[in-house]
């Protein structure tokens, strides 16, 4: 009887949640744990969408930019950052890539010049040691 009350309040299908839970574990998944996970997923989605709606300044629809803004502004949604990256324009992307390439080029030049410096230092040191031997 109590099971009926719990399942009637859950919006996300418990059977699907149970299938997902079984597919990721070799353990037996109880119906109660599936109901709890279903309710937790529902509450997560409700909270996330409410925060996204607040980001719209109480507009009529939630857009990708609202989802992304919430994910990048709130630390608790950090695990979603790879899934919902901030949108950027092609121009912004090109500028980022140019900066990255310039940095890599400078790093490569610094590395090669430090290698040249160290080899010339070694040459000088070996010349000095040969003078001591004579």
C-alpha atoms as a PDB file:
ATOM      1  CA  UNK A   1       0.000   0.000   0.000  1.00  0.00           C
ATOM      2  CA  UNK A   2       2.815   2.399   0.894  1.00  0.00           C
ATOM      3  CA  UNK A   3       4.528   1.516  -2.388  1.00  0.00           C
ATOM      4  CA  UNK A   4       1.483   2.738  -4.304  1.00  0.00           C
ATOM      5  CA  UNK A   5       1.621   6.132  -2.586  1.00  0.00           C
ATOM      6  CA  UNK A   6       5.311   6.577  -3.384  1.00  0.00           C
ATOM      7  CA  UNK A   7       5.081   5.537  -7.019  1.00  0.00           C
ATOM      8  CA  UNK A   8       2.003   7.640  -7.713  1.00  0.00           C
ATOM      9  CA  UNK A   9       3.914  10.783  -6.690  1.00  0.00           C
ATOM     10  CA  UNK A  10       6.915  10.049  -8.919  1.00  0.00           C
ATOM     11  CA  UNK A  11       6.863  11.701 -12.343  1.00  0.00           C
ATOM     12  CA  UNK A  12       9.896   9.991 -13.904  1.00  0.00           C
ATOM     13  CA  UNK A  13       9.125   6.327 -14.742  1.00  0.00           C
ATOM     14  CA  UNK A  14      10.589   4.119 -12.024  1.00  0.00           C
ATOM     15  CA  UNK A  15      10.989   1.203 -14.448  1.00  0.00           C
ATOM     16  CA  UNK A  16      13.360   3.202 -16.624  1.00  0.00           C
ATOM     17  CA  UNK A  17      15.368   4.347 -13.625  1.00  0.00           C
ATOM     18  CA  UNK A  18      15.582   0.731 -12.465  1.00  0.00           C
ATOM     19  CA  UNK A  19      16.786  -0.365 -15.924  1.00  0.00           C
ATOM     20  CA  UNK A  20      19.509   2.304 -15.882  1.00  0.00           C
ATOM     21  CA  UNK A  21      20.577   1.337 -12.375  1.00  0.00           C
ATOM     22  CA  UNK A  22      20.718  -2.371 -13.307  1.00  0.00           C
ATOM     23  CA  UNK A  23      22.774  -1.636 -16.417  1.00  0.00           C
ATOM     24  CA  UNK A  24      25.512   0.041 -14.377  1.00  0.00           C
ATOM     25  CA  UNK A  25      25.685  -2.462 -11.530  1.00  0.00           C
ATOM     26  CA  UNK A  26      25.872  -6.208 -11.020  1.00  0.00           C
ATOM     27  CA  UNK A  27      24.056  -5.849  -7.704  1.00  0.00           C
ATOM     28  CA  UNK A  28      20.343  -6.398  -7.221  1.00  0.00           C
ATOM     29  CA  UNK A  29      18.441  -3.105  -7.415  1.00  0.00           C
ATOM     30  CA  UNK A  30      15.467  -2.845  -5.087  1.00  0.00           C
ATOM     31  CA  UNK A  31      12.256  -1.152  -6.147  1.00  0.00           C
ATOM     32  CA  UNK A  32      12.527   1.253  -3.214  1.00  0.00           C
ATOM     33  CA  UNK A  33      15.962   2.472  -4.277  1.00  0.00           C
ATOM     34  CA  UNK A  34      14.659   3.000  -7.821  1.00  0.00           C
ATOM     35  CA  UNK A  35      11.770   5.054  -6.471  1.00  0.00           C
ATOM     36  CA  UNK A  36      14.150   7.169  -4.387  1.00  0.00           C
ATOM     37  CA  UNK A  37      16.495   7.727  -7.354  1.00  0.00           C
ATOM     38  CA  UNK A  38      13.532   8.641  -9.543  1.00  0.00           C
ATOM     39  CA  UNK A  39      12.355  11.197  -7.002  1.00  0.00           C
ATOM     40  CA  UNK A  40      15.915  12.555  -6.600  1.00  0.00           C
ATOM     41  CA  UNK A  41      16.258  12.962 -10.380  1.00  0.00           C
ATOM     42  CA  UNK A  42      12.906  14.731 -10.475  1.00  0.00           C
ATOM     43  CA  UNK A  43      13.931  17.127  -7.703  1.00  0.00           C
ATOM     44  CA  UNK A  44      17.272  17.795  -9.428  1.00  0.00           C
ATOM     45  CA  UNK A  45      15.549  18.611 -12.704  1.00  0.00           C
ATOM     46  CA  UNK A  46      12.992  20.812 -10.941  1.00  0.00           C
ATOM     47  CA  UNK A  47      15.693  22.767  -9.061  1.00  0.00           C
ATOM     48  CA  UNK A  48      17.897  23.134 -12.144  1.00  0.00           C
ATOM     49  CA  UNK A  49      15.044  24.333 -14.354  1.00  0.00           C
ATOM     50  CA  UNK A  50      13.877  26.766 -11.668  1.00  0.00           C
ATOM     51  CA  UNK A  51      17.346  28.293 -11.480  1.00  0.00           C
ATOM     52  CA  UNK A  52      17.463  28.475 -15.288  1.00  0.00           C
ATOM     53  CA  UNK A  53      14.061  30.151 -15.315  1.00  0.00           C
ATOM     54  CA  UNK A  54      15.301  32.699 -12.785  1.00  0.00           C
ATOM     55  CA  UNK A  55      18.233  33.360 -15.145  1.00  0.00           C
ATOM     56  CA  UNK A  56      15.735  34.345 -17.858  1.00  0.00           C
ATOM     57  CA  UNK A  57      14.564  37.196 -15.594  1.00  0.00           C
ATOM     58  CA  UNK A  58      11.188  35.468 -15.544  1.00  0.00           C
ATOM     59  CA  UNK A  59      10.858  35.359 -19.316  1.00  0.00           C
ATOM     60  CA  UNK A  60       8.724  32.977 -21.314  1.00  0.00           C
ATOM     61  CA  UNK A  61      11.241  30.314 -22.277  1.00  0.00           C
ATOM     62  CA  UNK A  62      14.517  28.799 -21.161  1.00  0.00           C
ATOM     63  CA  UNK A  63      17.240  28.921 -23.801  1.00  0.00           C
ATOM     64  CA  UNK A  64      20.632  27.193 -24.073  1.00  0.00           C
ATOM     65  CA  UNK A  65      22.400  30.327 -22.851  1.00  0.00           C
ATOM     66  CA  UNK A  66      20.348  30.237 -19.627  1.00  0.00           C
ATOM     67  CA  UNK A  67      21.264  26.596 -19.012  1.00  0.00           C
ATOM     68  CA  UNK A  68      24.922  27.308 -19.710  1.00  0.00           C
ATOM     69  CA  UNK A  69      24.959  30.421 -17.527  1.00  0.00           C
ATOM     70  CA  UNK A  70      23.572  28.530 -14.535  1.00  0.00           C
ATOM     71  CA  UNK A  71      26.013  25.649 -15.032  1.00  0.00           C
ATOM     72  CA  UNK A  72      29.017  27.992 -15.210  1.00  0.00           C
ATOM     73  CA  UNK A  73      27.884  30.328 -12.406  1.00  0.00           C
ATOM     74  CA  UNK A  74      26.924  27.689  -9.842  1.00  0.00           C
ATOM     75  CA  UNK A  75      29.674  25.434  -8.497  1.00  0.00           C
ATOM     76  CA  UNK A  76      27.205  22.666  -7.667  1.00  0.00           C
ATOM     77  CA  UNK A  77      26.599  22.151 -11.412  1.00  0.00           C
ATOM     78  CA  UNK A  78      30.300  21.924 -12.238  1.00  0.00           C
ATOM     79  CA  UNK A  79      29.910  18.339 -13.445  1.00  0.00           C
ATOM     80  CA  UNK A  80      27.760  19.619 -16.322  1.00  0.00           C
ATOM     81  CA  UNK A  81      30.308  22.113 -17.672  1.00  0.00           C
ATOM     82  CA  UNK A  82      31.623  19.751 -20.341  1.00  0.00           C
ATOM     83  CA  UNK A  83      28.091  18.965 -21.479  1.00  0.00           C
ATOM     84  CA  UNK A  84      26.870  22.582 -21.552  1.00  0.00           C
ATOM     85  CA  UNK A  85      29.831  24.767 -22.506  1.00  0.00           C
ATOM     86  CA  UNK A  86      29.420  28.512 -22.926  1.00  0.00           C
ATOM     87  CA  UNK A  87      28.536  29.485 -26.458  1.00  0.00           C
ATOM     88  CA  UNK A  88      31.065  31.627 -28.253  1.00  0.00           C
ATOM     89  CA  UNK A  89      31.090  33.219 -31.689  1.00  0.00           C
ATOM     90  CA  UNK A  90      33.411  32.136 -34.469  1.00  0.00           C
ATOM     91  CA  UNK A  91      35.308  35.397 -34.071  1.00  0.00           C
ATOM     92  CA  UNK A  92      35.828  34.735 -30.348  1.00  0.00           C
ATOM     93  CA  UNK A  93      36.991  31.201 -31.155  1.00  0.00           C
ATOM     94  CA  UNK A  94      39.510  32.479 -33.683  1.00  0.00           C
ATOM     95  CA  UNK A  95      40.869  35.013 -31.180  1.00  0.00           C
ATOM     96  CA  UNK A  96      41.232  32.288 -28.538  1.00  0.00           C
ATOM     97  CA  UNK A  97      43.052  30.022 -31.004  1.00  0.00           C
ATOM     98  CA  UNK A  98      45.383  32.851 -32.113  1.00  0.00           C
ATOM     99  CA  UNK A  99      46.272  33.586 -28.484  1.00  0.00           C
ATOM    100  CA  UNK A 100      46.847  29.896 -27.830  1.00  0.00           C
ATOM    101  CA  UNK A 101      49.069  29.519 -30.898  1.00  0.00           C
ATOM    102  CA  UNK A 102      51.051  32.644 -29.999  1.00  0.00           C
ATOM    103  CA  UNK A 103      51.608  31.323 -26.469  1.00  0.00           C
ATOM    104  CA  UNK A 104      52.708  27.926 -27.777  1.00  0.00           C
ATOM    105  CA  UNK A 105      55.065  29.594 -30.259  1.00  0.00           C
ATOM    106  CA  UNK A 106      56.639  31.728 -27.512  1.00  0.00           C
ATOM    107  CA  UNK A 107      57.005  28.667 -25.291  1.00  0.00           C
ATOM    108  CA  UNK A 108      58.660  26.714 -28.099  1.00  0.00           C
ATOM    109  CA  UNK A 109      61.045  29.593 -28.809  1.00  0.00           C
ATOM    110  CA  UNK A 110      61.911  29.926 -25.122  1.00  0.00           C
ATOM    111  CA  UNK A 111      62.558  26.202 -24.888  1.00  0.00           C
ATOM    112  CA  UNK A 112      64.779  26.161 -27.962  1.00  0.00           C
ATOM    113  CA  UNK A 113      66.722  29.231 -26.833  1.00  0.00           C
ATOM    114  CA  UNK A 114      67.248  27.746 -23.366  1.00  0.00           C
ATOM    115  CA  UNK A 115      68.488  24.539 -25.011  1.00  0.00           C
ATOM    116  CA  UNK A 116      70.957  26.617 -27.063  1.00  0.00           C
ATOM    117  CA  UNK A 117      72.077  28.457 -23.923  1.00  0.00           C
ATOM    118  CA  UNK A 118      72.625  25.241 -21.985  1.00  0.00           C
ATOM    119  CA  UNK A 119      74.619  23.628 -24.813  1.00  0.00           C
ATOM    120  CA  UNK A 120      76.828  26.710 -25.131  1.00  0.00           C
ATOM    121  CA  UNK A 121      77.332  26.676 -21.356  1.00  0.00           C
ATOM    122  CA  UNK A 122      78.320  23.016 -21.536  1.00  0.00           C
ATOM    123  CA  UNK A 123      80.759  23.796 -24.373  1.00  0.00           C
ATOM    124  CA  UNK A 124      82.318  26.575 -22.312  1.00  0.00           C
ATOM    125  CA  UNK A 125      82.564  24.325 -19.276  1.00  0.00           C
ATOM    126  CA  UNK A 126      84.218  21.534 -21.258  1.00  0.00           C
ATOM    127  CA  UNK A 127      86.702  24.010 -22.776  1.00  0.00           C
ATOM    128  CA  UNK A 128      87.530  25.299 -19.327  1.00  0.00           C
ATOM    129  CA  UNK A 129      88.079  21.804 -17.987  1.00  0.00           C
ATOM    130  CA  UNK A 130      90.414  20.932 -20.856  1.00  0.00           C
ATOM    131  CA  UNK A 131      92.518  23.971 -19.970  1.00  0.00           C
ATOM    132  CA  UNK A 132      92.886  22.712 -16.413  1.00  0.00           C
ATOM    133  CA  UNK A 133      94.098  19.346 -17.560  1.00  0.00           C
ATOM    134  CA  UNK A 134      96.974  20.803 -19.593  1.00  0.00           C
END
